[in-house]
Amino acid sequence: MDEQEFMRRADACLARLEGWLEQASDTADFDYERKTGGIIEIDCGAGGKLIVNCHGAAREIWLAARSGGFHFRLQEDGRWCDTRSGEALEVALARCLSEQCGRELRPSN
């Protein structure tokens, strides 16, 4: 996959994540902002920040959280999965956000 195709697919993934974050922010205390360059910054106040960003050179989406840094690569089935654990991006984001917000959140489908 070339960089243009990666960015198209990554942007679609970030748009889905934004939709989920919009819904989740109704029940949990956090703010988020989509920034230029394929970045979503999530502020959990005293719980700290999470950063989701596209890394074109590696063709990955990265998640930075208090619990660590995670790299997600697009799979043949269209899911973005962690390169080490195989965990889906949506599941990892919900888990990390739950930890940092102190409220359990379910991943998007």
N, C-alpha and C. Protein backbone atom coordinates (compact mmCIF):
# COMPACT_ATOMS: atom_id res chain seq x y z
N MET A 1 0.86 -1.16 0.00
CA MET A 1 0.00 0.00 0.00
C MET A 1 0.91 1.23 0.00
N ASP A 2 0.62 2.16 -0.90
CA ASP A 2 1.42 3.38 -0.95
C ASP A 2 0.93 4.37 0.12
N GLU A 3 1.66 5.45 0.30
CA GLU A 3 1.34 6.40 1.38
C GLU A 3 -0.03 7.05 1.18
N GLN A 4 -0.39 7.33 -0.05
CA GLN A 4 -1.70 7.96 -0.33
C GLN A 4 -2.85 7.03 0.08
N GLU A 5 -2.75 5.76 -0.25
CA GLU A 5 -3.76 4.77 0.13
C GLU A 5 -3.79 4.60 1.65
N PHE A 6 -2.60 4.56 2.26
CA PHE A 6 -2.54 4.47 3.72
C PHE A 6 -3.28 5.64 4.36
N MET A 7 -3.01 6.85 3.90
CA MET A 7 -3.64 8.04 4.50
C MET A 7 -5.16 8.01 4.29
N ARG A 8 -5.62 7.54 3.16
CA ARG A 8 -7.06 7.45 2.91
C ARG A 8 -7.70 6.50 3.92
N ARG A 9 -7.08 5.34 4.10
CA ARG A 9 -7.63 4.34 5.03
C ARG A 9 -7.48 4.78 6.48
N ALA A 10 -6.36 5.39 6.80
CA ALA A 10 -6.14 5.86 8.17
C ALA A 10 -7.11 6.99 8.51
N ASP A 11 -7.36 7.90 7.57
CA ASP A 11 -8.31 8.98 7.80
C ASP A 11 -9.72 8.43 8.05
N ALA A 12 -10.10 7.40 7.31
CA ALA A 12 -11.40 6.78 7.52
C ALA A 12 -11.48 6.16 8.91
N CYS A 13 -10.40 5.54 9.36
CA CYS A 13 -10.35 4.96 10.69
C CYS A 13 -10.46 6.05 11.75
N LEU A 14 -9.73 7.14 11.59
CA LEU A 14 -9.80 8.24 12.57
C LEU A 14 -11.19 8.85 12.61
N ALA A 15 -11.86 8.93 11.48
CA ALA A 15 -13.23 9.46 11.45
C ALA A 15 -14.16 8.55 12.25
N ARG A 16 -14.00 7.24 12.12
CA ARG A 16 -14.81 6.30 12.92
C ARG A 16 -14.51 6.47 14.40
N LEU A 17 -13.23 6.61 14.74
CA LEU A 17 -12.85 6.80 16.14
C LEU A 17 -13.46 8.09 16.69
N GLU A 18 -13.46 9.14 15.88
CA GLU A 18 -14.06 10.41 16.30
C GLU A 18 -15.55 10.26 16.61
N GLY A 19 -16.25 9.52 15.77
CA GLY A 19 -17.67 9.27 16.01
C GLY A 19 -17.88 8.56 17.33
N TRP A 20 -17.05 7.56 17.61
CA TRP A 20 -17.14 6.83 18.87
C TRP A 20 -16.80 7.75 20.04
N LEU A 21 -15.75 8.55 19.90
CA LEU A 21 -15.36 9.47 20.97
C LEU A 21 -16.47 10.47 21.27
N GLU A 22 -17.16 10.93 20.24
CA GLU A 22 -18.28 11.86 20.43
C GLU A 22 -19.35 11.22 21.30
N GLN A 23 -19.69 9.97 21.01
CA GLN A 23 -20.69 9.27 21.82
C GLN A 23 -20.17 9.00 23.22
N ALA A 24 -18.95 8.53 23.34
CA ALA A 24 -18.38 8.18 24.64
C ALA A 24 -18.21 9.40 25.54
N SER A 25 -17.97 10.57 24.95
CA SER A 25 -17.77 11.78 25.76
C SER A 25 -19.05 12.22 26.45
N ASP A 26 -20.20 11.67 26.04
CA ASP A 26 -21.45 11.96 26.73
C ASP A 26 -21.53 11.29 28.09
N THR A 27 -20.78 10.20 28.27
CA THR A 27 -20.85 9.44 29.53
C THR A 27 -19.56 9.44 30.32
N ALA A 28 -18.48 9.95 29.77
CA ALA A 28 -17.19 9.97 30.47
C ALA A 28 -16.61 11.39 30.38
N ASP A 29 -15.76 11.71 31.34
CA ASP A 29 -15.21 13.05 31.44
C ASP A 29 -13.88 13.16 30.69
N PHE A 30 -13.97 13.50 29.42
CA PHE A 30 -12.77 13.76 28.61
C PHE A 30 -13.16 14.67 27.45
N ASP A 31 -12.17 15.33 26.90
CA ASP A 31 -12.33 16.15 25.70
C ASP A 31 -11.38 15.61 24.65
N TYR A 32 -11.74 15.81 23.40
CA TYR A 32 -10.86 15.36 22.33
C TYR A 32 -10.87 16.41 21.22
N GLU A 33 -9.81 16.38 20.44
CA GLU A 33 -9.69 17.30 19.30
C GLU A 33 -8.94 16.59 18.18
N ARG A 34 -9.48 16.70 16.99
CA ARG A 34 -8.77 16.18 15.81
C ARG A 34 -7.92 17.30 15.27
N LYS A 35 -6.65 17.03 15.16
CA LYS A 35 -5.71 18.03 14.69
C LYS A 35 -5.26 17.67 13.27
N THR A 36 -4.69 18.62 12.59
CA THR A 36 -4.20 18.35 11.25
C THR A 36 -3.06 17.34 11.32
N GLY A 37 -2.87 16.64 10.23
CA GLY A 37 -1.78 15.68 10.16
C GLY A 37 -2.13 14.31 10.70
N GLY A 38 -3.43 14.01 10.84
CA GLY A 38 -3.83 12.68 11.28
C GLY A 38 -3.61 12.42 12.75
N ILE A 39 -3.99 13.39 13.58
CA ILE A 39 -3.79 13.27 15.03
C ILE A 39 -5.11 13.51 15.75
N ILE A 40 -5.40 12.66 16.73
CA ILE A 40 -6.49 12.92 17.67
C ILE A 40 -5.86 13.00 19.05
N GLU A 41 -6.10 14.11 19.73
CA GLU A 41 -5.60 14.30 21.09
C GLU A 41 -6.78 14.21 22.04
N ILE A 42 -6.67 13.35 23.06
CA ILE A 42 -7.73 13.12 24.02
C ILE A 42 -7.22 13.55 25.40
N ASP A 43 -7.92 14.48 26.02
CA ASP A 43 -7.52 15.02 27.31
C ASP A 43 -8.45 14.50 28.39
N CYS A 44 -7.90 13.73 29.31
CA CYS A 44 -8.68 13.15 30.41
C CYS A 44 -8.47 13.93 31.71
N GLY A 45 -8.08 15.19 31.60
CA GLY A 45 -7.85 16.00 32.79
C GLY A 45 -6.71 15.42 33.62
N ALA A 46 -7.00 15.15 34.91
CA ALA A 46 -5.98 14.60 35.80
C ALA A 46 -5.52 13.22 35.38
N GLY A 47 -6.31 12.55 34.54
CA GLY A 47 -5.94 11.22 34.04
C GLY A 47 -4.91 11.26 32.93
N GLY A 48 -4.58 12.46 32.46
CA GLY A 48 -3.57 12.60 31.41
C GLY A 48 -4.16 12.59 30.01
N LYS A 49 -3.29 12.51 29.05
CA LYS A 49 -3.69 12.56 27.64
C LYS A 49 -3.41 11.24 26.94
N LEU A 50 -4.17 11.02 25.89
CA LEU A 50 -3.92 9.94 24.93
C LEU A 50 -3.76 10.61 23.58
N ILE A 51 -2.88 10.07 22.77
CA ILE A 51 -2.66 10.59 21.43
C ILE A 51 -2.79 9.44 20.44
N VAL A 52 -3.63 9.64 19.43
CA VAL A 52 -3.74 8.70 18.31
C VAL A 52 -3.19 9.44 17.10
N ASN A 53 -2.21 8.85 16.42
CA ASN A 53 -1.68 9.52 15.24
C ASN A 53 -1.29 8.55 14.15
N CYS A 54 -1.37 9.04 12.93
CA CYS A 54 -0.99 8.27 11.75
C CYS A 54 0.50 8.42 11.53
N HIS A 55 1.16 7.32 11.28
CA HIS A 55 2.59 7.34 10.99
C HIS A 55 2.79 6.77 9.59
N GLY A 56 2.82 7.67 8.61
CA GLY A 56 2.86 7.29 7.20
C GLY A 56 4.07 6.45 6.81
N ALA A 57 5.23 6.78 7.34
CA ALA A 57 6.44 6.04 6.96
C ALA A 57 6.35 4.57 7.34
N ALA A 58 5.75 4.29 8.51
CA ALA A 58 5.61 2.91 8.98
C ALA A 58 4.29 2.28 8.52
N ARG A 59 3.39 3.09 7.94
CA ARG A 59 2.05 2.64 7.52
C ARG A 59 1.29 2.07 8.72
N GLU A 60 1.38 2.80 9.85
CA GLU A 60 0.75 2.38 11.09
C GLU A 60 0.00 3.54 11.73
N ILE A 61 -0.95 3.19 12.59
CA ILE A 61 -1.59 4.17 13.47
C ILE A 61 -1.04 3.88 14.86
N TRP A 62 -0.58 4.92 15.54
CA TRP A 62 0.03 4.76 16.85
C TRP A 62 -0.89 5.32 17.92
N LEU A 63 -0.88 4.69 19.08
CA LEU A 63 -1.62 5.14 20.25
C LEU A 63 -0.63 5.31 21.39
N ALA A 64 -0.57 6.51 21.94
CA ALA A 64 0.26 6.78 23.12
C ALA A 64 -0.67 6.98 24.31
N ALA A 65 -0.44 6.20 25.36
CA ALA A 65 -1.26 6.26 26.57
C ALA A 65 -0.34 6.10 27.78
N ARG A 66 -0.89 6.32 28.97
CA ARG A 66 -0.10 6.11 30.17
C ARG A 66 0.45 4.70 30.26
N SER A 67 -0.31 3.74 29.79
CA SER A 67 0.10 2.34 29.89
C SER A 67 1.13 1.93 28.84
N GLY A 68 1.43 2.82 27.89
CA GLY A 68 2.45 2.51 26.90
C GLY A 68 2.13 3.03 25.51
N GLY A 69 2.97 2.65 24.59
CA GLY A 69 2.79 3.02 23.19
C GLY A 69 2.42 1.78 22.39
N PHE A 70 1.48 1.92 21.48
CA PHE A 70 0.97 0.80 20.73
C PHE A 70 0.96 1.15 19.24
N HIS A 71 1.32 0.18 18.41
CA HIS A 71 1.37 0.38 16.96
C HIS A 71 0.36 -0.55 16.31
N PHE A 72 -0.46 -0.01 15.43
CA PHE A 72 -1.52 -0.77 14.77
C PHE A 72 -1.31 -0.75 13.27
N ARG A 73 -1.41 -1.94 12.67
CA ARG A 73 -1.22 -2.09 11.24
C ARG A 73 -2.52 -2.62 10.63
N LEU A 74 -2.84 -2.16 9.44
CA LEU A 74 -4.05 -2.59 8.74
C LEU A 74 -3.92 -4.05 8.32
N GLN A 75 -4.93 -4.84 8.67
CA GLN A 75 -4.97 -6.26 8.32
C GLN A 75 -5.80 -6.47 7.06
N GLU A 76 -5.70 -7.63 6.48
CA GLU A 76 -6.44 -7.93 5.25
C GLU A 76 -7.95 -7.82 5.44
N ASP A 77 -8.43 -8.07 6.67
CA ASP A 77 -9.86 -7.99 6.94
C ASP A 77 -10.34 -6.57 7.21
N GLY A 78 -9.43 -5.58 7.10
CA GLY A 78 -9.79 -4.18 7.27
C GLY A 78 -9.66 -3.65 8.69
N ARG A 79 -9.30 -4.51 9.64
CA ARG A 79 -9.12 -4.06 11.02
C ARG A 79 -7.69 -3.58 11.22
N TRP A 80 -7.56 -2.59 12.11
CA TRP A 80 -6.24 -2.12 12.52
C TRP A 80 -5.90 -2.86 13.81
N CYS A 81 -4.83 -3.66 13.80
CA CYS A 81 -4.49 -4.49 14.94
C CYS A 81 -3.08 -4.19 15.44
N ASP A 82 -2.91 -4.31 16.76
CA ASP A 82 -1.62 -4.08 17.41
C ASP A 82 -0.59 -5.06 16.86
N THR A 83 0.57 -4.55 16.53
CA THR A 83 1.61 -5.37 15.91
C THR A 83 2.20 -6.40 16.87
N ARG A 84 2.01 -6.22 18.18
CA ARG A 84 2.54 -7.19 19.16
C ARG A 84 1.45 -8.13 19.67
N SER A 85 0.33 -7.57 20.11
CA SER A 85 -0.69 -8.40 20.76
C SER A 85 -1.81 -8.85 19.83
N GLY A 86 -1.99 -8.16 18.71
CA GLY A 86 -3.10 -8.46 17.81
C GLY A 86 -4.41 -7.79 18.22
N GLU A 87 -4.39 -7.05 19.33
CA GLU A 87 -5.60 -6.37 19.81
C GLU A 87 -6.05 -5.31 18.80
N ALA A 88 -7.35 -5.21 18.59
CA ALA A 88 -7.90 -4.22 17.66
C ALA A 88 -7.73 -2.81 18.24
N LEU A 89 -7.51 -1.84 17.37
CA LEU A 89 -7.33 -0.45 17.78
C LEU A 89 -8.49 0.04 18.63
N GLU A 90 -9.72 -0.24 18.22
CA GLU A 90 -10.89 0.25 18.96
C GLU A 90 -10.93 -0.32 20.37
N VAL A 91 -10.55 -1.57 20.52
CA VAL A 91 -10.53 -2.22 21.83
C VAL A 91 -9.43 -1.60 22.71
N ALA A 92 -8.26 -1.41 22.13
CA ALA A 92 -7.14 -0.82 22.88
C ALA A 92 -7.46 0.61 23.30
N LEU A 93 -8.06 1.39 22.39
CA LEU A 93 -8.40 2.77 22.74
C LEU A 93 -9.43 2.80 23.86
N ALA A 94 -10.45 1.97 23.79
CA ALA A 94 -11.47 1.93 24.84
C ALA A 94 -10.85 1.52 26.17
N ARG A 95 -9.96 0.55 26.15
CA ARG A 95 -9.29 0.09 27.37
C ARG A 95 -8.44 1.20 27.98
N CYS A 96 -7.61 1.83 27.17
CA CYS A 96 -6.72 2.88 27.67
C CYS A 96 -7.52 4.10 28.15
N LEU A 97 -8.54 4.47 27.40
CA LEU A 97 -9.36 5.61 27.79
C LEU A 97 -10.11 5.30 29.08
N SER A 98 -10.60 4.09 29.23
CA SER A 98 -11.27 3.68 30.47
C SER A 98 -10.32 3.80 31.66
N GLU A 99 -9.09 3.33 31.49
CA GLU A 99 -8.08 3.40 32.55
C GLU A 99 -7.81 4.84 32.94
N GLN A 100 -7.69 5.71 31.96
CA GLN A 100 -7.30 7.09 32.24
C GLN A 100 -8.46 7.97 32.68
N CYS A 101 -9.67 7.62 32.30
CA CYS A 101 -10.86 8.38 32.71
C CYS A 101 -11.46 7.86 34.01
N GLY A 102 -11.14 6.62 34.35
CA GLY A 102 -11.71 6.03 35.54
C GLY A 102 -13.16 5.61 35.36
N ARG A 103 -13.56 5.38 34.12
CA ARG A 103 -14.93 4.94 33.82
C ARG A 103 -14.86 3.94 32.67
N GLU A 104 -15.53 2.81 32.84
CA GLU A 104 -15.48 1.78 31.80
C GLU A 104 -16.21 2.22 30.54
N LEU A 105 -15.52 2.11 29.43
CA LEU A 105 -16.10 2.44 28.12
C LEU A 105 -16.00 1.22 27.23
N ARG A 106 -17.02 1.00 26.43
CA ARG A 106 -17.03 -0.12 25.51
C ARG A 106 -16.52 0.34 24.15
N PRO A 107 -15.76 -0.53 23.47
CA PRO A 107 -15.26 -0.14 22.14
C PRO A 107 -16.39 -0.03 21.12
N SER A 108 -16.11 0.72 20.08
CA SER A 108 -17.07 0.83 18.97
C SER A 108 -17.10 -0.49 18.24
N ASN A 109 -18.15 -0.72 17.50
CA ASN A 109 -18.26 -1.98 16.73
C ASN A 109 -17.77 -1.78 15.33
